[in-house]
Protein backbone atom coordinates (compact mmCIF):
# COMPACT_ATOMS: atom_id res chain seq x y z
CA MET A 1 2.03 -7.87 6.38
CA THR A 2 3.03 -4.66 4.62
CA SER A 3 2.79 -3.37 1.07
CA SER A 4 3.76 -0.62 -1.34
CA SER A 5 2.58 2.79 -0.13
CA PHE A 6 4.21 4.96 -2.84
CA ASN A 7 3.73 8.67 -2.06
CA ASN A 8 1.23 8.17 0.77
CA VAL A 9 2.03 9.05 4.39
CA PRO A 10 1.94 7.30 6.82
CA GLY A 11 3.86 4.85 4.65
CA LEU A 12 4.48 1.13 4.99
CA GLN A 13 1.26 0.42 6.84
CA ILE A 14 1.56 -2.71 8.99
CA LEU A 15 -1.30 -5.19 9.10
CA ALA A 16 -1.68 -7.98 11.66
CA SER A 17 -3.77 -11.15 11.64
CA LYS A 18 -4.18 -14.32 13.70
CA ASP A 19 -5.63 -16.43 10.87
CA LEU A 20 -4.33 -14.85 7.58
CA VAL A 21 -7.92 -13.89 6.69
CA HIS A 22 -9.03 -11.17 9.12
CA TRP A 23 -6.56 -8.29 9.10
CA GLU A 24 -6.22 -5.01 10.98
CA ILE A 25 -4.00 -2.00 10.27
CA VAL A 26 -1.98 -1.71 13.48
CA ASP A 27 1.08 0.41 12.69
CA ALA A 28 3.07 2.29 10.06
CA ALA A 29 6.85 2.17 9.78
CA ILE A 30 7.12 5.63 8.16
CA ARG A 31 4.89 8.14 9.94
CA TYR A 32 5.54 11.72 8.88
CA ARG A 33 7.86 12.19 5.89
CA LEU A 34 9.17 9.95 3.12
CA PRO A 35 12.97 9.47 3.13
CA GLY A 36 14.59 11.58 0.43
CA TYR A 37 11.56 13.78 -0.08
CA GLN A 38 12.32 17.41 -0.90
CA GLU A 39 9.72 20.17 -0.95
CA GLY A 40 8.23 20.41 -4.41
CA ASP A 41 9.13 16.86 -5.50
CA LYS A 42 6.72 15.18 -7.90
CA VAL A 43 5.37 12.44 -5.68
CA THR A 44 2.55 10.52 -7.36
CA GLY A 45 3.51 6.86 -7.88
CA ASN A 46 7.05 7.32 -6.52
CA PHE A 47 9.01 6.59 -3.32
CA VAL A 48 7.91 3.38 -1.49
CA TRP A 49 7.75 0.34 -3.82
CA ALA A 50 7.26 -3.40 -3.10
CA PRO A 51 8.63 -4.07 0.39
CA ALA A 52 9.55 -7.29 2.19
CA ILE A 53 9.06 -7.64 5.95
CA ARG A 54 11.18 -10.07 7.97
CA GLU A 55 12.08 -10.80 11.59
CA HIS A 56 15.72 -11.32 12.53
CA ASP A 57 17.36 -11.55 15.93
CA GLY A 58 14.53 -9.84 17.79
CA GLN A 59 13.86 -7.03 15.32
CA LEU A 60 11.52 -6.49 12.38
CA TYR A 61 13.16 -5.37 9.14
CA ILE A 62 11.38 -3.86 6.15
CA TYR A 63 13.35 -3.43 2.93
CA TYR A 64 11.84 -1.47 0.07
CA GLY A 65 12.95 0.12 -3.17
CA ASP A 66 12.69 3.78 -4.03
CA PRO A 67 13.20 3.78 -7.83
CA ASP A 68 14.87 7.20 -7.77
CA ARG A 69 17.10 6.73 -4.72
CA GLY A 70 17.84 3.08 -4.03
CA ILE A 71 17.03 0.40 -1.47
CA TYR A 72 16.07 1.43 2.05
CA CYS A 73 15.75 -0.52 5.30
CA VAL A 74 13.41 0.49 8.10
CA ARG A 75 14.09 -1.48 11.27
CA SER A 76 12.11 -1.70 14.49
CA LYS A 77 13.67 -1.09 17.85
CA PRO A 78 14.53 -4.43 19.54
CA LEU A 79 11.43 -6.42 20.39
CA THR A 80 10.82 -8.41 23.53
CA SER A 81 12.19 -11.94 23.65
CA ASN A 82 8.67 -13.28 23.24
CA LEU A 83 7.64 -12.23 19.71
CA SER A 84 4.09 -13.51 20.08
CA PRO A 85 1.98 -11.58 20.58
CA LEU A 86 3.57 -8.35 19.39
CA THR A 87 2.32 -5.14 20.93
CA PHE A 88 1.62 -2.44 18.35
CA PRO A 89 2.50 0.23 17.51
CA LEU A 90 6.21 -0.58 17.55
CA LYS A 91 9.06 1.89 17.77
CA TRP A 92 10.90 2.24 14.47
CA GLU A 93 14.39 3.44 13.75
CA GLU A 94 15.06 6.04 11.08
CA PRO A 95 15.18 4.57 7.53
CA VAL A 96 18.67 3.76 6.21
CA LEU A 97 19.62 3.99 2.52
CA VAL A 98 21.33 0.60 2.21
CA ILE A 99 22.15 0.73 -1.52
CA PRO A 100 22.13 4.14 -3.21
CA ALA A 101 21.23 3.32 -6.82
CA LYS A 102 18.76 4.62 -9.37
CA GLY A 103 16.35 1.93 -10.50
CA TYR A 104 16.86 -0.68 -7.75
CA ILE A 105 13.47 -2.01 -6.52
CA ASP A 106 11.65 -5.00 -5.00
CA PRO A 107 14.27 -6.20 -2.46
CA CYS A 108 14.15 -9.11 -0.04
CA PRO A 109 16.76 -10.10 2.60
CA LEU A 110 17.94 -13.52 3.77
CA TRP A 111 20.07 -14.21 6.84
CA ASP A 112 22.01 -17.41 6.08
CA GLU A 113 23.07 -20.09 8.56
CA ASP A 114 26.71 -19.02 8.27
CA GLY A 115 25.93 -15.42 9.23
CA ARG A 116 26.08 -13.99 5.74
CA VAL A 117 23.30 -11.63 4.65
CA TRP A 118 21.91 -11.68 1.12
CA LEU A 119 19.59 -9.26 -0.66
CA SER A 120 17.78 -10.12 -3.89
CA HIS A 121 16.13 -7.36 -5.90
CA GLY A 122 14.78 -6.32 -9.29
CA VAL A 123 15.14 -3.16 -11.35
CA ALA A 124 12.87 -0.50 -12.85
CA GLY A 125 13.65 -0.15 -16.54
CA SER A 126 12.43 3.45 -16.53
CA ARG A 127 15.40 4.39 -14.32
CA PHE A 128 17.89 1.53 -14.75
CA GLY A 129 17.78 1.40 -18.54
CA LEU A 130 17.26 -2.37 -18.44
CA LYS A 131 14.39 -4.53 -17.21
CA SER A 132 13.42 -8.19 -16.71
CA VAL A 133 16.60 -9.03 -14.76
CA LEU A 134 17.11 -10.00 -11.11
CA LEU A 135 20.16 -9.19 -9.01
CA MET A 136 21.83 -10.39 -5.81
CA ALA A 137 23.93 -8.39 -3.34
CA GLU A 138 25.68 -9.36 -0.13
CA LEU A 139 25.16 -7.08 2.85
CA ASN A 140 27.26 -6.60 5.94
CA ALA A 141 26.21 -8.37 9.13
CA ASP A 142 23.98 -5.51 10.30
CA GLY A 143 22.00 -5.65 7.04
CA LEU A 144 22.34 -1.89 6.64
CA SER A 145 25.25 -1.57 4.20
CA VAL A 146 26.71 -3.38 1.18
CA LYS A 147 29.56 -5.87 1.39
CA VAL A 148 29.51 -7.16 -2.20
CA PRO A 149 27.69 -5.05 -4.83
CA SER A 150 24.69 -6.33 -6.78
CA ARG A 151 25.16 -8.44 -9.88
CA ILE A 152 22.68 -9.94 -12.32
CA ILE A 153 21.84 -13.58 -11.59
CA PHE A 154 18.80 -14.04 -13.88
CA ASP A 155 17.67 -12.67 -17.23
CA GLY A 156 13.99 -13.15 -17.99
CA HIS A 157 13.79 -11.46 -21.39
CA ALA A 158 13.21 -14.66 -23.35
CA GLU A 159 10.43 -16.38 -21.41
CA HIS A 160 9.75 -14.32 -18.26
CA PRO A 161 9.68 -10.62 -19.15
CA THR A 162 9.10 -8.08 -16.39
CA SER A 163 10.58 -10.36 -13.75
CA GLU A 164 10.47 -8.37 -10.49
CA GLY A 165 9.03 -8.53 -6.95
CA THR A 166 11.62 -10.90 -5.47
CA LYS A 167 11.12 -12.91 -2.27
CA LEU A 168 14.16 -14.87 -1.04
CA TYR A 169 14.11 -18.06 1.07
CA LYS A 170 16.24 -21.06 2.02
CA ARG A 171 14.87 -24.57 2.59
CA ASN A 172 16.49 -28.01 2.62
CA GLY A 173 19.77 -26.57 1.33
CA TYR A 174 18.16 -24.78 -1.63
CA TYR A 175 17.99 -21.04 -2.10
CA TYR A 176 14.61 -20.03 -3.52
CA ILE A 177 13.75 -16.85 -5.38
CA MET A 178 9.99 -16.44 -5.77
CA HIS A 179 9.06 -13.67 -8.19
CA PRO A 180 6.34 -12.58 -10.63
CA ALA A 181 6.76 -12.16 -14.36
CA GLY A 182 4.62 -11.14 -17.31
CA GLY A 183 3.20 -7.89 -15.92
CA VAL A 184 0.99 -6.95 -12.99
CA ALA A 185 -2.43 -7.53 -14.54
CA THR A 186 -1.62 -10.52 -16.74
CA GLY A 187 1.44 -12.28 -15.34
CA TRP A 188 2.34 -15.45 -13.46
CA GLN A 189 4.40 -16.63 -10.49
CA VAL A 190 7.86 -18.10 -10.96
CA VAL A 191 9.93 -20.02 -8.41
CA GLN A 192 13.66 -20.57 -8.91
CA ARG A 193 15.97 -22.76 -6.84
CA SER A 194 19.70 -23.37 -6.59
CA ARG A 195 22.24 -24.79 -4.15
CA ASN A 196 24.34 -21.68 -4.78
CA ILE A 197 23.04 -18.21 -3.96
CA TYR A 198 24.40 -16.86 -7.25
CA GLY A 199 23.02 -19.78 -9.29
CA PRO A 200 22.65 -21.20 -11.79
CA TYR A 201 18.95 -21.50 -10.96
CA GLU A 202 16.37 -23.94 -12.29
CA LEU A 203 12.81 -22.65 -12.39
CA LYS A 204 9.13 -23.49 -12.62
CA ILE A 205 5.92 -21.52 -13.14
CA THR A 206 4.00 -22.28 -9.95
CA LEU A 207 0.86 -20.14 -10.29
CA ALA A 208 -0.97 -18.78 -13.34
CA GLN A 209 -4.52 -17.71 -14.14
CA GLY A 210 -5.34 -20.72 -16.33
CA LYS A 211 -9.08 -21.18 -16.62
CA THR A 212 -9.86 -19.12 -13.50
CA ASP A 213 -11.03 -15.51 -13.19
CA VAL A 214 -8.03 -14.52 -11.04
CA ASN A 215 -5.88 -12.50 -13.43
CA GLY A 216 -2.19 -11.95 -12.75
CA PRO A 217 -1.91 -14.10 -9.60
CA HIS A 218 1.58 -13.26 -8.39
CA GLN A 219 3.89 -10.88 -6.48
CA GLY A 220 3.47 -12.47 -3.09
CA GLY A 221 5.22 -14.49 -0.43
CA TRP A 222 5.30 -17.89 1.24
CA VAL A 223 3.97 -18.18 4.81
CA GLU A 224 4.35 -21.18 7.11
CA THR A 225 2.01 -21.22 10.10
CA ALA A 226 2.64 -22.55 13.59
CA GLU A 227 0.37 -25.49 12.72
CA GLY A 228 2.64 -26.46 9.82
CA GLU A 229 0.34 -25.19 7.05
CA HIS A 230 1.86 -23.53 3.98
CA TRP A 231 0.23 -20.62 2.18
CA PHE A 232 1.15 -18.35 -0.69
CA ILE A 233 -0.14 -14.80 -0.21
CA HIS A 234 -0.44 -12.76 -3.42
CA PHE A 235 -2.52 -10.05 -5.05
CA GLN A 236 -4.89 -9.69 -7.99
CA ASP A 237 -5.02 -6.37 -9.84
CA VAL A 238 -8.67 -5.36 -10.30
CA GLY A 239 -8.16 -1.80 -11.52
CA VAL A 240 -10.09 0.89 -9.64
CA ALA A 241 -10.51 -1.26 -6.51
CA GLY A 242 -6.75 -1.79 -6.39
CA ARG A 243 -4.91 -5.01 -5.67
CA ILE A 244 -6.96 -7.54 -3.74
CA VAL A 245 -5.05 -9.94 -1.49
CA HIS A 246 -5.54 -13.70 -1.98
CA MET A 247 -4.18 -16.70 -0.11
CA GLN A 248 -3.46 -19.97 -1.89
CA PRO A 249 -2.90 -23.33 -0.21
CA MET A 250 0.63 -24.53 -0.82
CA LYS A 251 2.55 -27.77 -0.33
CA TRP A 252 6.06 -28.95 -1.04
CA VAL A 253 6.62 -31.80 -3.51
CA ASN A 254 10.19 -32.84 -4.32
CA ASP A 255 11.46 -29.55 -2.94
CA TRP A 256 9.19 -27.53 -5.23
CA PRO A 257 6.16 -25.54 -4.01
CA VAL A 258 2.78 -26.49 -5.48
CA MET A 259 0.37 -23.55 -5.20
CA GLY A 260 -3.40 -23.34 -5.44
CA ARG A 261 -5.03 -26.24 -7.22
CA ASN A 262 -2.18 -27.68 -9.30
CA GLY A 263 -0.90 -24.22 -10.14
CA GLU A 264 -4.20 -22.42 -10.68
CA PRO A 265 -5.80 -20.09 -8.10
CA ILE A 266 -8.60 -21.45 -5.94
CA SER A 267 -11.71 -19.42 -5.10
CA GLU A 268 -12.66 -21.32 -1.92
CA TRP A 269 -10.76 -23.53 0.49
CA LYS A 270 -11.56 -25.34 3.71
CA VAL A 271 -9.08 -24.42 6.43
CA GLU A 272 -8.47 -27.54 8.49
CA SER A 273 -6.82 -26.03 11.56
CA GLY A 274 -8.53 -22.63 11.59
CA LYS A 275 -11.84 -21.62 13.10
CA LEU A 276 -13.10 -19.12 10.56
CA LYS A 277 -16.72 -18.27 11.22
CA GLU A 278 -17.47 -15.91 8.36
CA LYS A 279 -16.36 -15.10 4.87
CA THR A 280 -15.12 -11.53 4.63
CA TYR A 281 -14.38 -9.47 1.52
CA ALA A 282 -12.85 -6.44 3.23
CA ASN A 283 -11.92 -5.80 6.83
CA PHE A 284 -11.76 -2.01 7.00
CA ALA A 285 -15.32 -0.80 6.50
CA HIS A 286 -15.97 1.49 9.46
CA ARG A 287 -17.28 4.75 10.84
CA ASP A 288 -14.74 7.30 12.04
CA GLU A 289 -16.10 9.67 14.70
CA PHE A 290 -12.77 11.53 15.05
CA ASP A 291 -12.92 11.27 18.81
CA LYS A 292 -9.19 10.68 19.31
CA GLY A 293 -6.31 13.11 19.33
CA GLU A 294 -4.80 11.66 16.15
CA LEU A 295 -5.94 10.23 12.85
CA GLY A 296 -6.49 6.51 12.44
CA LEU A 297 -3.88 4.54 10.50
CA ASP A 298 -6.23 3.82 7.61
CA TRP A 299 -6.01 7.52 6.64
CA GLN A 300 -3.08 8.63 4.48
CA TRP A 301 -1.93 11.99 3.15
CA ALA A 302 -1.13 12.11 -0.56
CA GLY A 303 1.74 14.59 -0.58
CA GLY A 304 4.79 12.70 0.69
CA ARG A 305 4.84 14.36 4.10
CA VAL A 306 2.56 15.66 6.85
CA LYS A 307 2.34 19.36 7.71
CA PRO A 308 0.85 20.54 11.02
CA GLN A 309 -1.11 23.34 9.29
CA TRP A 310 -3.14 20.81 7.35
CA PHE A 311 -5.38 19.51 10.13
CA PHE A 312 -6.56 19.53 13.74
CA CYS A 313 -7.91 16.42 15.46
CA ASP A 314 -10.47 18.10 17.73
CA ALA A 315 -11.16 15.20 20.07
CA ALA A 316 -13.01 17.43 22.55
CA ASN A 317 -15.69 18.08 19.95
CA SER A 318 -15.32 14.75 18.19
CA GLN A 319 -14.47 16.43 14.90
CA LEU A 320 -11.70 16.70 12.34
CA ARG A 321 -10.79 20.11 10.94
CA LEU A 322 -9.00 20.26 7.58
CA TYR A 323 -7.44 23.64 6.80
CA SER A 324 -7.08 24.79 3.21
CA ALA A 325 -3.59 24.35 1.77
CA PRO A 326 -2.26 25.71 -1.54
CA ARG A 327 -2.27 23.48 -4.57
CA GLU A 328 1.13 22.70 -6.03
CA ALA A 329 2.43 23.69 -9.48
CA ASP A 330 0.74 20.79 -11.29
CA GLU A 331 -2.53 21.44 -9.41
CA PHE A 332 -1.81 18.47 -7.16
CA MET A 333 -3.32 18.78 -3.68
CA PRO A 334 -0.69 17.53 -1.20
CA ASN A 335 -3.12 17.64 1.73
CA LEU A 336 -5.56 15.16 0.25
CA LEU A 337 -6.72 12.89 3.09
CA LEU A 338 -7.39 9.49 1.58
CA GLN A 339 -8.27 5.86 2.22
CA LYS A 340 -7.90 2.80 0.05
CA ILE A 341 -11.11 1.75 -1.67
CA PRO A 342 -12.31 -1.21 0.45
CA ALA A 343 -14.24 -3.15 -2.21
CA VAL A 344 -15.51 -2.96 -5.77
CA ALA A 345 -18.88 -1.59 -4.61
CA PHE A 346 -19.30 0.56 -1.50
CA THR A 347 -20.86 3.74 -0.11
CA ALA A 348 -18.94 6.56 1.59
CA THR A 349 -20.79 9.22 3.59
CA ALA A 350 -19.61 12.24 5.60
CA ARG A 351 -21.22 14.99 7.66
CA VAL A 352 -19.33 18.22 7.00
CA ARG A 353 -19.33 22.00 7.25
CA PHE A 354 -17.25 24.29 5.03
CA MET A 355 -16.04 27.55 6.59
CA PRO A 356 -13.94 29.46 4.03
CA ASN A 357 -11.82 32.48 4.91
CA LYS A 358 -14.12 35.51 5.16
CA ASP A 359 -11.62 38.06 3.85
CA LYS A 360 -12.86 39.54 0.57
CA LYS A 361 -9.39 39.10 -0.93
CA MET A 362 -9.84 35.33 -0.55
CA ALA A 363 -13.28 35.16 -2.18
CA GLY A 364 -13.51 32.03 -4.33
CA ALA A 365 -9.96 30.94 -3.46
CA GLU A 366 -10.93 27.89 -1.39
CA GLN A 367 -12.81 24.69 -2.12
CA ALA A 368 -13.56 21.64 0.01
CA GLY A 369 -15.38 18.36 -0.27
CA MET A 370 -15.17 14.67 -1.11
CA ILE A 371 -12.87 13.18 -3.76
CA VAL A 372 -12.31 9.97 -5.69
CA PHE A 373 -8.61 10.25 -6.47
CA GLY A 374 -6.85 8.47 -9.35
CA ARG A 375 -5.25 9.21 -12.71
CA LYS A 376 -8.43 11.18 -13.25
CA SER A 377 -10.13 12.55 -10.15
CA PHE A 378 -13.75 13.37 -9.39
CA THR A 379 -14.92 15.76 -6.68
CA LEU A 380 -18.04 16.83 -4.86
CA GLU A 381 -17.68 20.34 -3.45
CA VAL A 382 -19.38 21.42 -0.24
CA PRO A 383 -21.63 24.46 -0.67
CA VAL A 384 -20.50 27.61 1.13
CA THR A 385 -23.37 27.95 3.61
CA ASP A 386 -21.54 27.62 6.95
CA GLU A 387 -24.13 24.95 7.78
CA TRP A 388 -23.68 21.25 8.38
CA CYS A 389 -24.62 19.05 5.44
CA TYR A 390 -24.03 15.52 4.16
CA MET A 391 -21.99 14.21 1.23
CA ARG A 392 -22.23 10.72 -0.21
CA LEU A 393 -20.47 8.63 -2.83
CA VAL A 394 -22.10 5.45 -4.14
CA MET A 395 -19.79 3.18 -6.17
CA ASP A 396 -21.36 0.25 -8.04
CA ASN A 397 -20.01 -3.13 -9.16
CA HIS A 398 -18.86 -1.57 -12.45
CA GLN A 399 -16.83 0.98 -10.46
CA GLN A 400 -19.04 3.80 -11.59
CA GLY A 401 -19.60 6.51 -9.03
CA GLN A 402 -22.42 8.88 -8.23
CA PHE A 403 -22.25 11.77 -5.75
CA TYR A 404 -25.18 12.90 -3.61
CA THR A 405 -25.85 15.74 -1.17
CA SER A 406 -28.34 16.10 1.66
CA GLN A 407 -29.29 18.69 4.25
CA ASP A 408 -30.74 16.23 6.76
CA GLY A 409 -29.09 12.88 5.94
CA LYS A 410 -32.44 11.46 4.85
CA LYS A 411 -33.41 13.07 1.55
CA TRP A 412 -30.59 12.76 -1.01
CA ILE A 413 -30.14 14.74 -4.21
CA LYS A 414 -27.87 13.64 -7.06
CA SER A 415 -24.93 15.91 -7.72
CA GLY A 416 -23.31 15.76 -11.15
CA GLU A 417 -23.32 12.87 -13.59
CA LEU A 418 -22.51 9.19 -13.13
CA PHE A 419 -18.75 8.83 -13.66
CA GLN A 420 -16.36 5.99 -14.39
CA ALA A 421 -13.68 5.97 -11.68
CA LYS A 422 -10.04 5.65 -12.76
CA GLU A 423 -7.28 3.79 -10.95
CA GLY A 424 -4.29 5.66 -9.59
CA HIS A 425 -0.62 5.44 -10.48
CA TRP A 426 0.32 1.78 -9.66
CA ILE A 427 -2.61 1.56 -7.24
CA GLY A 428 -6.38 1.59 -7.25
CA ALA A 429 -8.40 4.74 -6.82
CA GLN A 430 -8.69 6.27 -3.35
CA VAL A 431 -11.58 7.99 -1.60
CA GLY A 432 -11.35 10.83 0.88
CA LEU A 433 -11.61 14.50 1.68
CA PHE A 434 -9.97 17.72 0.49
CA CYS A 435 -9.71 21.35 1.52
CA THR A 436 -7.61 23.41 -0.85
CA ARG A 437 -6.94 26.90 -2.12
CA ASP A 438 -5.14 28.65 -4.94
CA ASN A 439 -1.77 30.33 -4.53
CA ARG A 440 -2.95 33.74 -3.42
CA LYS A 441 -0.76 34.94 -0.56
CA PHE A 442 -2.61 35.23 2.73
CA ASN A 443 -1.85 34.68 6.39
CA ASP A 444 -4.83 32.54 7.34
CA ALA A 445 -6.97 29.69 6.01
CA GLY A 446 -10.53 28.53 5.93
CA TRP A 447 -11.43 24.97 6.85
CA LEU A 448 -13.63 21.94 6.43
CA ASP A 449 -15.11 20.51 9.63
CA VAL A 450 -15.84 16.76 9.49
CA ASP A 451 -18.20 15.36 12.11
CA TRP A 452 -17.89 11.76 10.93
CA PHE A 453 -16.92 9.69 7.89
CA GLU A 454 -18.42 6.27 7.20
CA ILE A 455 -17.78 3.52 4.65
CA GLU A 456 -20.37 0.78 4.17
CA LEU A 457 -20.22 -2.30 1.94
């Protein structure tokens, strides 16, 4: 599974699971720099939107839309003939700009039985000047260039506004386009089918909130397991905590998918063929001791690229060192080191030491600490004592946060007021660490040492 990663790097994180419930981040298809990024670009909320991941002829393909540049494909190096189990991380080829076009987003490929390659996609009205329409293109056999340009095959203005997020399939001679409509937080799932790739298509609403508490159940994909089970994987937008992944049971009736419980999301389901022993809400709560020579894949930088002067993974001392980096023109900190919020309520704790540059010319230029990053950000700064101390964030079920500090990790003192966290641009809020400075010119930097970072649910 993969998902939108926007301006974060590594981008296109890859998750793997053996039961569709317990997931692990195992890889990232874009490691160091976002395709098309130029120094100084405004990054927040841009770049990597709504991907689709597919296997074809022994390779994994990920197509995604960059609303300002077009549709990209990132392809793995050829896999072994036995695709199960895969060994991660994989080797990935350089991203290819398949369709240069402003406003093209949400693509999905289909390799047809006759060798033809199709690509469905949506558009971003903010760049395209039109929204709520879906398009189809034909690609060349390698899937990396256009054979027949995109044309509109569906207009959802009347009954299905904000149609986007396409997923393309073929079954029993029908082409299926599964896509959301109605908006991220309040919409529904539409399925269209036709015997002809260009239509006309007939459609049904196959999943909607109804009387449940699962708002906006859509923007997902159909999965068929080796045991013959059918599932629809989708998200629910819950604001600050981001977009929570759900799985709905699915069956086919008269060549139409029936999702959830007669088209409404289910909250619990007995898995007949699986052997699930526990109910999990999030899989990534952990303690990072920084005892490896590189950062774990759950960490992401906010600034569209990775610079070597931002950090040092000091495995010998089991520490991470973050060097101060200048803020950009809009006061954005490109070297923010962040993680996705793992649940509505959680606690994040770190043991840290701030060592600013001692030159008098740099006095007051540097700050470091913990951050909750979103459309509005909240920070806890580390005191300049050169001593180890502890920082903590406690987030409650109302997504209100409170910072704390401690000298010994036992006695905690509140720092600042209780705050209401704010979601980010297209995503939930993120939690992490920062070490920054103003734009004074100097040839060295101070740093934040991090002994460990822990998230508990």
